[in-house]
Amino acid sequence: MVVTKDEYEKCHSAHPIFFSNNGVTVFTLDRPGLFYFISGVSGHCERGQKMIIKVLEPASPPQSADQNEQKNDAAVAMAAITSATLMSCIMSFVGHGYSDLDPNPVSDMLMIR
């Protein structure tokens, strides 16, 4: 679940900003800033299954279309590396401690773009 900072700190949200429990979730990080995620499974957040993702501002000012096309390949490569690193972190988050927390773990995946 995506929640507010206060809900993140309390490990509880009655009205999350974003919720999905279908097993495969896509969430778009659409702005710079902090995104707070907690597990919606009872007891999991209290046991550490929560994370904060910080989206940074673009490193340079917007450029012309010609300059953007030239840098597109490099940006795609960097996005792939960043996505792979992020997915590794997320899989650690999702998979961390499930055997201790839930005798019947559910295979979930959160994809962030």
PDB file of N, CA and C in Angstrom:
ATOM      1  N   MET A   1       0.845  -1.170   0.000  1.00  0.00           N
ATOM      2  CA  MET A   1       0.000   0.000   0.000  1.00  0.00           C
ATOM      3  C   MET A   1       0.891   1.234   0.000  1.00  0.00           C
ATOM      4  N   VAL A   2       0.457   2.260  -0.703  1.00  0.00           N
ATOM      5  CA  VAL A   2       1.114   3.558  -0.639  1.00  0.00           C
ATOM      6  C   VAL A   2       0.304   4.386   0.352  1.00  0.00           C
ATOM      7  N   VAL A   3       1.004   4.954   1.320  1.00  0.00           N
ATOM      8  CA  VAL A   3       0.338   5.656   2.415  1.00  0.00           C
ATOM      9  C   VAL A   3       1.015   7.005   2.675  1.00  0.00           C
ATOM     10  N   THR A   4       0.436   7.773   3.574  1.00  0.00           N
ATOM     11  CA  THR A   4       1.039   9.035   3.989  1.00  0.00           C
ATOM     12  C   THR A   4       2.180   8.759   4.965  1.00  0.00           C
ATOM     13  N   LYS A   5       2.987   9.772   5.233  1.00  0.00           N
ATOM     14  CA  LYS A   5       4.092   9.626   6.178  1.00  0.00           C
ATOM     15  C   LYS A   5       3.567   9.223   7.558  1.00  0.00           C
ATOM     16  N   ASP A   6       2.487   9.856   7.994  1.00  0.00           N
ATOM     17  CA  ASP A   6       1.907   9.548   9.307  1.00  0.00           C
ATOM     18  C   ASP A   6       1.427   8.097   9.367  1.00  0.00           C
ATOM     19  N   GLU A   7       0.766   7.642   8.317  1.00  0.00           N
ATOM     20  CA  GLU A   7       0.295   6.253   8.274  1.00  0.00           C
ATOM     21  C   GLU A   7       1.468   5.285   8.231  1.00  0.00           C
ATOM     22  N   TYR A   8       2.530   5.666   7.526  1.00  0.00           N
ATOM     23  CA  TYR A   8       3.750   4.850   7.467  1.00  0.00           C
ATOM     24  C   TYR A   8       4.317   4.664   8.873  1.00  0.00           C
ATOM     25  N   GLU A   9       4.417   5.758   9.606  1.00  0.00           N
ATOM     26  CA  GLU A   9       4.977   5.698  10.957  1.00  0.00           C
ATOM     27  C   GLU A   9       4.099   4.882  11.902  1.00  0.00           C
ATOM     28  N   LYS A  10       2.776   4.907  11.692  1.00  0.00           N
ATOM     29  CA  LYS A  10       1.843   4.154  12.538  1.00  0.00           C
ATOM     30  C   LYS A  10       1.630   2.718  12.060  1.00  0.00           C
ATOM     31  N   CYS A  11       2.143   2.393  10.849  1.00  0.00           N
ATOM     32  CA  CYS A  11       1.920   1.069  10.247  1.00  0.00           C
ATOM     33  C   CYS A  11       0.441   0.745  10.122  1.00  0.00           C
ATOM     34  N   HIS A  12      -0.350   1.748   9.779  1.00  0.00           N
ATOM     35  CA  HIS A  12      -1.788   1.525   9.619  1.00  0.00           C
ATOM     36  C   HIS A  12      -2.365   2.577   8.682  1.00  0.00           C
ATOM     37  N   SER A  13      -3.281   2.141   7.816  1.00  0.00           N
ATOM     38  CA  SER A  13      -3.986   3.066   6.941  1.00  0.00           C
ATOM     39  C   SER A  13      -5.390   2.555   6.678  1.00  0.00           C
ATOM     40  N   ALA A  14      -6.369   3.362   7.046  1.00  0.00           N
ATOM     41  CA  ALA A  14      -7.752   3.013   6.742  1.00  0.00           C
ATOM     42  C   ALA A  14      -8.091   3.379   5.299  1.00  0.00           C
ATOM     43  N   HIS A  15      -7.403   4.384   4.754  1.00  0.00           N
ATOM     44  CA  HIS A  15      -7.658   4.857   3.388  1.00  0.00           C
ATOM     45  C   HIS A  15      -6.327   5.111   2.682  1.00  0.00           C
ATOM     46  N   PRO A  16      -5.650   4.041   2.233  1.00  0.00           N
ATOM     47  CA  PRO A  16      -4.350   4.223   1.582  1.00  0.00           C
ATOM     48  C   PRO A  16      -4.479   5.029   0.287  1.00  0.00           C
ATOM     49  N   ILE A  17      -3.379   5.674  -0.099  1.00  0.00           N
ATOM     50  CA  ILE A  17      -3.325   6.410  -1.356  1.00  0.00           C
ATOM     51  C   ILE A  17      -3.448   5.437  -2.524  1.00  0.00           C
ATOM     52  N   PHE A  18      -2.840   4.259  -2.379  1.00  0.00           N
ATOM     53  CA  PHE A  18      -2.881   3.219  -3.410  1.00  0.00           C
ATOM     54  C   PHE A  18      -2.885   1.863  -2.723  1.00  0.00           C
ATOM     55  N   PHE A  19      -3.756   0.971  -3.194  1.00  0.00           N
ATOM     56  CA  PHE A  19      -3.835  -0.373  -2.634  1.00  0.00           C
ATOM     57  C   PHE A  19      -4.067  -1.362  -3.763  1.00  0.00           C
ATOM     58  N   SER A  20      -3.396  -2.496  -3.686  1.00  0.00           N
ATOM     59  CA  SER A  20      -3.618  -3.576  -4.643  1.00  0.00           C
ATOM     60  C   SER A  20      -3.271  -4.892  -3.967  1.00  0.00           C
ATOM     61  N   ASN A  21      -4.071  -5.898  -4.220  1.00  0.00           N
ATOM     62  CA  ASN A  21      -3.774  -7.222  -3.662  1.00  0.00           C
ATOM     63  C   ASN A  21      -3.985  -8.323  -4.700  1.00  0.00           C
ATOM     64  N   ASN A  22      -3.727  -7.984  -5.978  1.00  0.00           N
ATOM     65  CA  ASN A  22      -3.964  -8.974  -7.030  1.00  0.00           C
ATOM     66  C   ASN A  22      -2.741  -9.836  -7.346  1.00  0.00           C
ATOM     67  N   GLY A  23      -1.633  -9.634  -6.625  1.00  0.00           N
ATOM     68  CA  GLY A  23      -0.448 -10.457  -6.836  1.00  0.00           C
ATOM     69  C   GLY A  23       0.583  -9.840  -7.752  1.00  0.00           C
ATOM     70  N   VAL A  24       0.168  -9.048  -8.720  1.00  0.00           N
ATOM     71  CA  VAL A  24       1.088  -8.340  -9.611  1.00  0.00           C
ATOM     72  C   VAL A  24       0.614  -6.894  -9.668  1.00  0.00           C
ATOM     73  N   THR A  25       1.409  -5.998  -9.123  1.00  0.00           N
ATOM     74  CA  THR A  25       1.005  -4.612  -8.995  1.00  0.00           C
ATOM     75  C   THR A  25       1.960  -3.700  -9.743  1.00  0.00           C
ATOM     76  N   VAL A  26       1.419  -2.698 -10.419  1.00  0.00           N
ATOM     77  CA  VAL A  26       2.228  -1.679 -11.078  1.00  0.00           C
ATOM     78  C   VAL A  26       1.902  -0.353 -10.419  1.00  0.00           C
ATOM     79  N   PHE A  27       2.936   0.347  -9.979  1.00  0.00           N
ATOM     80  CA  PHE A  27       2.763   1.670  -9.391  1.00  0.00           C
ATOM     81  C   PHE A  27       3.754   2.616 -10.065  1.00  0.00           C
ATOM     82  N   THR A  28       3.268   3.738 -10.542  1.00  0.00           N
ATOM     83  CA  THR A  28       4.120   4.697 -11.240  1.00  0.00           C
ATOM     84  C   THR A  28       4.565   5.788 -10.284  1.00  0.00           C
ATOM     85  N   LEU A  29       5.881   5.962 -10.192  1.00  0.00           N
ATOM     86  CA  LEU A  29       6.449   7.064  -9.407  1.00  0.00           C
ATOM     87  C   LEU A  29       6.422   8.286 -10.315  1.00  0.00           C
ATOM     88  N   ASP A  30       5.385   9.098 -10.196  1.00  0.00           N
ATOM     89  CA  ASP A  30       5.107  10.130 -11.180  1.00  0.00           C
ATOM     90  C   ASP A  30       5.549  11.539 -10.795  1.00  0.00           C
ATOM     91  N   ARG A  31       6.275  11.659  -9.705  1.00  0.00           N
ATOM     92  CA  ARG A  31       6.720  12.978  -9.266  1.00  0.00           C
ATOM     93  C   ARG A  31       7.940  12.826  -8.372  1.00  0.00           C
ATOM     94  N   PRO A  32       8.740  13.871  -8.262  1.00  0.00           N
ATOM     95  CA  PRO A  32       9.840  13.824  -7.293  1.00  0.00           C
ATOM     96  C   PRO A  32       9.262  13.854  -5.877  1.00  0.00           C
ATOM     97  N   GLY A  33       9.965  13.277  -4.952  1.00  0.00           N
ATOM     98  CA  GLY A  33       9.525  13.300  -3.557  1.00  0.00           C
ATOM     99  C   GLY A  33       9.570  11.927  -2.924  1.00  0.00           C
ATOM    100  N   LEU A  34       8.970  11.817  -1.758  1.00  0.00           N
ATOM    101  CA  LEU A  34       8.966  10.573  -1.000  1.00  0.00           C
ATOM    102  C   LEU A  34       7.672   9.799  -1.220  1.00  0.00           C
ATOM    103  N   PHE A  35       7.801   8.501  -1.372  1.00  0.00           N
ATOM    104  CA  PHE A  35       6.671   7.591  -1.470  1.00  0.00           C
ATOM    105  C   PHE A  35       6.806   6.595  -0.322  1.00  0.00           C
ATOM    106  N   TYR A  36       5.752   6.432   0.455  1.00  0.00           N
ATOM    107  CA  TYR A  36       5.763   5.559   1.624  1.00  0.00           C
ATOM    108  C   TYR A  36       4.951   4.300   1.323  1.00  0.00           C
ATOM    109  N   PHE A  37       5.574   3.144   1.488  1.00  0.00           N
ATOM    110  CA  PHE A  37       4.936   1.855   1.236  1.00  0.00           C
ATOM    111  C   PHE A  37       4.912   1.038   2.520  1.00  0.00           C
ATOM    112  N   ILE A  38       3.777   0.407   2.791  1.00  0.00           N
ATOM    113  CA  ILE A  38       3.693  -0.543   3.908  1.00  0.00           C
ATOM    114  C   ILE A  38       2.972  -1.795   3.411  1.00  0.00           C
ATOM    115  N   SER A  39       3.245  -2.902   4.069  1.00  0.00           N
ATOM    116  CA  SER A  39       2.527  -4.129   3.766  1.00  0.00           C
ATOM    117  C   SER A  39       1.122  -4.016   4.332  1.00  0.00           C
ATOM    118  N   GLY A  40       0.145  -4.486   3.566  1.00  0.00           N
ATOM    119  CA  GLY A  40      -1.235  -4.468   4.034  1.00  0.00           C
ATOM    120  C   GLY A  40      -1.615  -5.710   4.821  1.00  0.00           C
ATOM    121  N   VAL A  41      -0.689  -6.663   4.934  1.00  0.00           N
ATOM    122  CA  VAL A  41      -0.966  -7.892   5.677  1.00  0.00           C
ATOM    123  C   VAL A  41      -0.759  -7.617   7.167  1.00  0.00           C
ATOM    124  N   SER A  42      -1.714  -7.995   7.953  1.00  0.00           N
ATOM    125  CA  SER A  42      -1.674  -7.737   9.391  1.00  0.00           C
ATOM    126  C   SER A  42      -0.364  -8.208  10.026  1.00  0.00           C
ATOM    127  N   GLY A  43       0.298  -7.317  10.751  1.00  0.00           N
ATOM    128  CA  GLY A  43       1.518  -7.650  11.468  1.00  0.00           C
ATOM    129  C   GLY A  43       2.796  -7.510  10.668  1.00  0.00           C
ATOM    130  N   HIS A  44       2.721  -7.488   9.343  1.00  0.00           N
ATOM    131  CA  HIS A  44       3.932  -7.432   8.528  1.00  0.00           C
ATOM    132  C   HIS A  44       4.648  -6.086   8.635  1.00  0.00           C
ATOM    133  N   CYS A  45       3.923  -4.989   8.592  1.00  0.00           N
ATOM    134  CA  CYS A  45       4.556  -3.675   8.689  1.00  0.00           C
ATOM    135  C   CYS A  45       5.273  -3.534  10.035  1.00  0.00           C
ATOM    136  N   GLU A  46       4.621  -3.951  11.089  1.00  0.00           N
ATOM    137  CA  GLU A  46       5.227  -3.864  12.425  1.00  0.00           C
ATOM    138  C   GLU A  46       6.515  -4.676  12.509  1.00  0.00           C
ATOM    139  N   ARG A  47       6.631  -5.684  11.662  1.00  0.00           N
ATOM    140  CA  ARG A  47       7.837  -6.519  11.637  1.00  0.00           C
ATOM    141  C   ARG A  47       8.844  -6.038  10.589  1.00  0.00           C
ATOM    142  N   GLY A  48       8.631  -4.849  10.071  1.00  0.00           N
ATOM    143  CA  GLY A  48       9.623  -4.240   9.202  1.00  0.00           C
ATOM    144  C   GLY A  48       9.344  -4.262   7.724  1.00  0.00           C
ATOM    145  N   GLN A  49       8.198  -4.763   7.306  1.00  0.00           N
ATOM    146  CA  GLN A  49       7.919  -4.800   5.871  1.00  0.00           C
ATOM    147  C   GLN A  49       7.269  -3.489   5.446  1.00  0.00           C
ATOM    148  N   LYS A  50       8.151  -2.491   5.337  1.00  0.00           N
ATOM    149  CA  LYS A  50       7.752  -1.180   4.869  1.00  0.00           C
ATOM    150  C   LYS A  50       8.990  -0.534   4.267  1.00  0.00           C
ATOM    151  N   MET A  51       8.766   0.433   3.376  1.00  0.00           N
ATOM    152  CA  MET A  51       9.907   1.099   2.757  1.00  0.00           C
ATOM    153  C   MET A  51       9.507   2.494   2.296  1.00  0.00           C
ATOM    154  N   ILE A  52      10.526   3.337   2.145  1.00  0.00           N
ATOM    155  CA  ILE A  52      10.356   4.680   1.615  1.00  0.00           C
ATOM    156  C   ILE A  52      11.191   4.753   0.341  1.00  0.00           C
ATOM    157  N   ILE A  53      10.595   5.262  -0.720  1.00  0.00           N
ATOM    158  CA  ILE A  53      11.328   5.480  -1.963  1.00  0.00           C
ATOM    159  C   ILE A  53      11.390   6.981  -2.197  1.00  0.00           C
ATOM    160  N   LYS A  54      12.595   7.473  -2.425  1.00  0.00           N
ATOM    161  CA  LYS A  54      12.789   8.891  -2.708  1.00  0.00           C
ATOM    162  C   LYS A  54      13.065   9.051  -4.192  1.00  0.00           C
ATOM    163  N   VAL A  55      12.207   9.794  -4.879  1.00  0.00           N
ATOM    164  CA  VAL A  55      12.381  10.091  -6.298  1.00  0.00           C
ATOM    165  C   VAL A  55      13.028  11.465  -6.388  1.00  0.00           C
ATOM    166  N   LEU A  56      14.173  11.512  -7.071  1.00  0.00           N
ATOM    167  CA  LEU A  56      14.927  12.753  -7.178  1.00  0.00           C
ATOM    168  C   LEU A  56      14.437  13.607  -8.337  1.00  0.00           C
ATOM    169  N   GLU A  57      14.735  14.904  -8.240  1.00  0.00           N
ATOM    170  CA  GLU A  57      14.482  15.832  -9.344  1.00  0.00           C
ATOM    171  C   GLU A  57      15.392  15.448 -10.505  1.00  0.00           C
ATOM    172  N   PRO A  58      15.016  15.802 -11.736  1.00  0.00           N
ATOM    173  CA  PRO A  58      15.925  15.555 -12.865  1.00  0.00           C
ATOM    174  C   PRO A  58      17.269  16.239 -12.622  1.00  0.00           C
ATOM    175  N   ALA A  59      18.350  15.607 -13.074  1.00  0.00           N
ATOM    176  CA  ALA A  59      19.693  16.110 -12.826  1.00  0.00           C
ATOM    177  C   ALA A  59      20.007  17.370 -13.622  1.00  0.00           C
ATOM    178  N   SER A  60      19.367  17.552 -14.758  1.00  0.00           N
ATOM    179  CA  SER A  60      19.648  18.724 -15.578  1.00  0.00           C
ATOM    180  C   SER A  60      18.339  19.310 -16.085  1.00  0.00           C
ATOM    181  N   PRO A  61      18.372  20.592 -16.506  1.00  0.00           N
ATOM    182  CA  PRO A  61      17.139  21.204 -17.019  1.00  0.00           C
ATOM    183  C   PRO A  61      16.687  20.519 -18.309  1.00  0.00           C
ATOM    184  N   PRO A  62      15.409  20.636 -18.635  1.00  0.00           N
ATOM    185  CA  PRO A  62      14.905  20.039 -19.874  1.00  0.00           C
ATOM    186  C   PRO A  62      15.690  20.533 -21.085  1.00  0.00           C
ATOM    187  N   GLN A  63      15.847  19.644 -22.074  1.00  0.00           N
ATOM    188  CA  GLN A  63      16.620  19.981 -23.263  1.00  0.00           C
ATOM    189  C   GLN A  63      15.732  19.925 -24.491  1.00  0.00           C
ATOM    190  N   SER A  64      16.277  20.387 -25.603  1.00  0.00           N
ATOM    191  CA  SER A  64      15.520  20.382 -26.854  1.00  0.00           C
ATOM    192  C   SER A  64      15.250  18.952 -27.302  1.00  0.00           C
ATOM    193  N   ALA A  65      14.323  18.798 -28.246  1.00  0.00           N
ATOM    194  CA  ALA A  65      13.954  17.464 -28.736  1.00  0.00           C
ATOM    195  C   ALA A  65      15.153  16.753 -29.349  1.00  0.00           C
ATOM    196  N   ASP A  66      15.999  17.466 -30.108  1.00  0.00           N
ATOM    197  CA  ASP A  66      17.174  16.842 -30.722  1.00  0.00           C
ATOM    198  C   ASP A  66      18.122  16.309 -29.663  1.00  0.00           C
ATOM    199  N   GLN A  67      18.364  17.087 -28.610  1.00  0.00           N
ATOM    200  CA  GLN A  67      19.262  16.642 -27.542  1.00  0.00           C
ATOM    201  C   GLN A  67      18.650  15.471 -26.789  1.00  0.00           C
ATOM    202  N   ASN A  68      17.340  15.489 -26.614  1.00  0.00           N
ATOM    203  CA  ASN A  68      16.668  14.393 -25.914  1.00  0.00           C
ATOM    204  C   ASN A  68      16.774  13.097 -26.700  1.00  0.00           C
ATOM    205  N   GLU A  69      16.634  13.153 -28.036  1.00  0.00           N
ATOM    206  CA  GLU A  69      16.743  11.946 -28.850  1.00  0.00           C
ATOM    207  C   GLU A  69      18.137  11.346 -28.750  1.00  0.00           C
ATOM    208  N   GLN A  70      19.176  12.190 -28.721  1.00  0.00           N
ATOM    209  CA  GLN A  70      20.544  11.701 -28.626  1.00  0.00           C
ATOM    210  C   GLN A  70      20.801  11.025 -27.290  1.00  0.00           C
ATOM    211  N   LYS A  71      20.167  11.502 -26.265  1.00  0.00           N
ATOM    212  CA  LYS A  71      20.404  10.946 -24.936  1.00  0.00           C
ATOM    213  C   LYS A  71      19.422   9.834 -24.582  1.00  0.00           C
ATOM    214  N   ASN A  72      18.462   9.554 -25.452  1.00  0.00           N
ATOM    215  CA  ASN A  72      17.429   8.569 -25.156  1.00  0.00           C
ATOM    216  C   ASN A  72      18.002   7.189 -24.875  1.00  0.00           C
ATOM    217  N   ASP A  73      18.948   6.732 -25.702  1.00  0.00           N
ATOM    218  CA  ASP A  73      19.536   5.408 -25.501  1.00  0.00           C
ATOM    219  C   ASP A  73      20.214   5.303 -24.147  1.00  0.00           C
ATOM    220  N   ALA A  74      20.958   6.316 -23.774  1.00  0.00           N
ATOM    221  CA  ALA A  74      21.637   6.308 -22.470  1.00  0.00           C
ATOM    222  C   ALA A  74      20.621   6.323 -21.341  1.00  0.00           C
ATOM    223  N   ALA A  75      19.551   7.096 -21.514  1.00  0.00           N
ATOM    224  CA  ALA A  75      18.516   7.154 -20.480  1.00  0.00           C
ATOM    225  C   ALA A  75      17.824   5.818 -20.315  1.00  0.00           C
ATOM    226  N   VAL A  76      17.546   5.136 -21.427  1.00  0.00           N
ATOM    227  CA  VAL A  76      16.905   3.823 -21.359  1.00  0.00           C
ATOM    228  C   VAL A  76      17.808   2.835 -20.641  1.00  0.00           C
ATOM    229  N   ALA A  77      19.103   2.861 -20.953  1.00  0.00           N
ATOM    230  CA  ALA A  77      20.048   1.959 -20.289  1.00  0.00           C
ATOM    231  C   ALA A  77      20.092   2.248 -18.798  1.00  0.00           C
ATOM    232  N   MET A  78      20.139   3.527 -18.426  1.00  0.00           N
ATOM    233  CA  MET A  78      20.172   3.889 -17.009  1.00  0.00           C
ATOM    234  C   MET A  78      18.874   3.472 -16.320  1.00  0.00           C
ATOM    235  N   ALA A  79      17.745   3.664 -16.988  1.00  0.00           N
ATOM    236  CA  ALA A  79      16.464   3.260 -16.410  1.00  0.00           C
ATOM    237  C   ALA A  79      16.432   1.767 -16.164  1.00  0.00           C
ATOM    238  N   ALA A  80      16.985   0.979 -17.083  1.00  0.00           N
ATOM    239  CA  ALA A  80      17.013  -0.471 -16.915  1.00  0.00           C
ATOM    240  C   ALA A  80      17.855  -0.853 -15.708  1.00  0.00           C
ATOM    241  N   ILE A  81      18.998  -0.190 -15.553  1.00  0.00           N
ATOM    242  CA  ILE A  81      19.852  -0.475 -14.398  1.00  0.00           C
ATOM    243  C   ILE A  81      19.140  -0.073 -13.119  1.00  0.00           C
ATOM    244  N   THR A  82      18.550   1.125 -13.129  1.00  0.00           N
ATOM    245  CA  THR A  82      17.844   1.603 -11.951  1.00  0.00           C
ATOM    246  C   THR A  82      16.670   0.691 -11.624  1.00  0.00           C
ATOM    247  N   SER A  83      15.911   0.278 -12.628  1.00  0.00           N
ATOM    248  CA  SER A  83      14.773  -0.604 -12.403  1.00  0.00           C
ATOM    249  C   SER A  83      15.218  -1.945 -11.832  1.00  0.00           C
ATOM    250  N   ALA A  84      16.311  -2.481 -12.371  1.00  0.00           N
ATOM    251  CA  ALA A  84      16.813  -3.763 -11.869  1.00  0.00           C
ATOM    252  C   ALA A  84      17.234  -3.641 -10.415  1.00  0.00           C
ATOM    253  N   THR A  85      17.914  -2.555 -10.092  1.00  0.00           N
ATOM    254  CA  THR A  85      18.334  -2.335  -8.708  1.00  0.00           C
ATOM    255  C   THR A  85      17.124  -2.170  -7.802  1.00  0.00           C
ATOM    256  N   LEU A  86      16.150  -1.384  -8.257  1.00  0.00           N
ATOM    257  CA  LEU A  86      14.949  -1.158  -7.474  1.00  0.00           C
ATOM    258  C   LEU A  86      14.171  -2.446  -7.280  1.00  0.00           C
ATOM    259  N   MET A  87      14.038  -3.241  -8.337  1.00  0.00           N
ATOM    260  CA  MET A  87      13.308  -4.500  -8.204  1.00  0.00           C
ATOM    261  C   MET A  87      14.012  -5.441  -7.237  1.00  0.00           C
ATOM    262  N   SER A  88      15.335  -5.406  -7.224  1.00  0.00           N
ATOM    263  CA  SER A  88      16.080  -6.214  -6.271  1.00  0.00           C
ATOM    264  C   SER A  88      15.734  -5.804  -4.853  1.00  0.00           C
ATOM    265  N   CYS A  89      15.674  -4.504  -4.622  1.00  0.00           N
ATOM    266  CA  CYS A  89      15.305  -3.996  -3.296  1.00  0.00           C
ATOM    267  C   CYS A  89      13.875  -4.379  -2.944  1.00  0.00           C
ATOM    268  N   ILE A  90      12.984  -4.242  -3.922  1.00  0.00           N
ATOM    269  CA  ILE A  90      11.580  -4.560  -3.672  1.00  0.00           C
ATOM    270  C   ILE A  90      11.405  -6.043  -3.386  1.00  0.00           C
ATOM    271  N   MET A  91      12.087  -6.880  -4.146  1.00  0.00           N
ATOM    272  CA  MET A  91      11.965  -8.317  -3.900  1.00  0.00           C
ATOM    273  C   MET A  91      12.499  -8.660  -2.517  1.00  0.00           C
ATOM    274  N   SER A  92      13.531  -7.935  -2.074  1.00  0.00           N
ATOM    275  CA  SER A  92      14.019  -8.138  -0.713  1.00  0.00           C
ATOM    276  C   SER A  92      12.939  -7.740   0.280  1.00  0.00           C
ATOM    277  N   PHE A  93      12.261  -6.628  -0.009  1.00  0.00           N
ATOM    278  CA  PHE A  93      11.187  -6.150   0.854  1.00  0.00           C
ATOM    279  C   PHE A  93      10.042  -7.146   0.882  1.00  0.00           C
ATOM    280  N   VAL A  94       9.602  -7.555  -0.302  1.00  0.00           N
ATOM    281  CA  VAL A  94       8.455  -8.454  -0.395  1.00  0.00           C
ATOM    282  C   VAL A  94       8.781  -9.818   0.190  1.00  0.00           C
ATOM    283  N   GLY A  95       9.980 -10.317  -0.070  1.00  0.00           N
ATOM    284  CA  GLY A  95      10.327 -11.664   0.362  1.00  0.00           C
ATOM    285  C   GLY A  95      10.885 -11.742   1.756  1.00  0.00           C
ATOM    286  N   HIS A  96      11.249 -10.620   2.349  1.00  0.00           N
ATOM    287  CA  HIS A  96      11.914 -10.618   3.642  1.00  0.00           C
ATOM    288  C   HIS A  96      11.012 -11.141   4.748  1.00  0.00           C
ATOM    289  N   GLY A  97      11.396 -12.211   5.324  1.00  0.00           N
ATOM    290  CA  GLY A  97      10.747 -12.693   6.531  1.00  0.00           C
ATOM    291  C   GLY A  97       9.376 -13.309   6.336  1.00  0.00           C
ATOM    292  N   TYR A  98       8.934 -13.557   5.115  1.00  0.00           N
ATOM    293  CA  TYR A  98       7.604 -14.123   4.950  1.00  0.00           C
ATOM    294  C   TYR A  98       7.474 -15.460   5.641  1.00  0.00           C
ATOM    295  N   SER A  99       8.515 -16.257   5.638  1.00  0.00           N
ATOM    296  CA  SER A  99       8.397 -17.566   6.276  1.00  0.00           C
ATOM    297  C   SER A  99       8.177 -17.419   7.778  1.00  0.00           C
ATOM    298  N   ASP A 100       8.693 -16.329   8.348  1.00  0.00           N
ATOM    299  CA  ASP A 100       8.486 -16.085   9.770  1.00  0.00           C
ATOM    300  C   ASP A 100       7.134 -15.457  10.051  1.00  0.00           C
ATOM    301  N   LEU A 101       6.589 -14.733   9.057  1.00  0.00           N
ATOM    302  CA  LEU A 101       5.384 -13.958   9.292  1.00  0.00           C
ATOM    303  C   LEU A 101       4.108 -14.686   8.891  1.00  0.00           C
ATOM    304  N   ASP A 102       4.178 -15.455   7.845  1.00  0.00           N
ATOM    305  CA  ASP A 102       2.973 -16.038   7.278  1.00  0.00           C
ATOM    306  C   ASP A 102       3.255 -17.479   6.854  1.00  0.00           C
ATOM    307  N   PRO A 103       2.576 -18.448   7.439  1.00  0.00           N
ATOM    308  CA  PRO A 103       2.821 -19.842   7.068  1.00  0.00           C
ATOM    309  C   PRO A 103       2.401 -20.144   5.634  1.00  0.00           C
ATOM    310  N   ASN A 104       1.557 -19.319   5.041  1.00  0.00           N
ATOM    311  CA  ASN A 104       1.109 -19.493   3.658  1.00  0.00           C
ATOM    312  C   ASN A 104       1.404 -18.223   2.866  1.00  0.00           C
ATOM    313  N   PRO A 105       2.688 -17.964   2.559  1.00  0.00           N
ATOM    314  CA  PRO A 105       3.014 -16.716   1.871  1.00  0.00           C
ATOM    315  C   PRO A 105       2.397 -16.658   0.480  1.00  0.00           C
ATOM    316  N   VAL A 106       2.030 -15.447   0.090  1.00  0.00           N
ATOM    317  CA  VAL A 106       1.459 -15.206  -1.226  1.00  0.00           C
ATOM    318  C   VAL A 106       2.554 -14.605  -2.090  1.00  0.00           C
ATOM    319  N   SER A 107       2.663 -15.049  -3.307  1.00  0.00           N
ATOM    320  CA  SER A 107       3.677 -14.529  -4.226  1.00  0.00           C
ATOM    321  C   SER A 107       3.163 -13.227  -4.807  1.00  0.00           C
ATOM    322  N   ASP A 108       3.742 -12.119  -4.378  1.00  0.00           N
ATOM    323  CA  ASP A 108       3.361 -10.802  -4.859  1.00  0.00           C
ATOM    324  C   ASP A 108       4.547 -10.155  -5.555  1.00  0.00           C
ATOM    325  N   MET A 109       4.235  -9.297  -6.495  1.00  0.00           N
ATOM    326  CA  MET A 109       5.272  -8.511  -7.148  1.00  0.00           C
ATOM    327  C   MET A 109       4.765  -7.087  -7.289  1.00  0.00           C
ATOM    328  N   LEU A 110       5.613  -6.148  -6.974  1.00  0.00           N
ATOM    329  CA  LEU A 110       5.300  -4.739  -7.144  1.00  0.00           C
ATOM    330  C   LEU A 110       6.230  -4.200  -8.191  1.00  0.00           C
ATOM    331  N   MET A 111       5.689  -3.665  -9.282  1.00  0.00           N
ATOM    332  CA  MET A 111       6.515  -3.096 -10.336  1.00  0.00           C
ATOM    333  C   MET A 111       6.360  -1.593 -10.283  1.00  0.00           C
ATOM    334  N   ILE A 112       7.496  -0.916 -10.240  1.00  0.00           N
ATOM    335  CA  ILE A 112       7.481   0.538 -10.167  1.00  0.00           C
ATOM    336  C   ILE A 112       8.113   1.083 -11.425  1.00  0.00           C
ATOM    337  N   ARG A 113       7.448   2.068 -12.040  1.00  0.00           N
ATOM    338  CA  ARG A 113       8.045   2.689 -13.219  1.00  0.00           C
ATOM    339  C   ARG A 113       7.984   4.182 -13.111  1.00  0.00           C
TER     340      ARG A 113
END
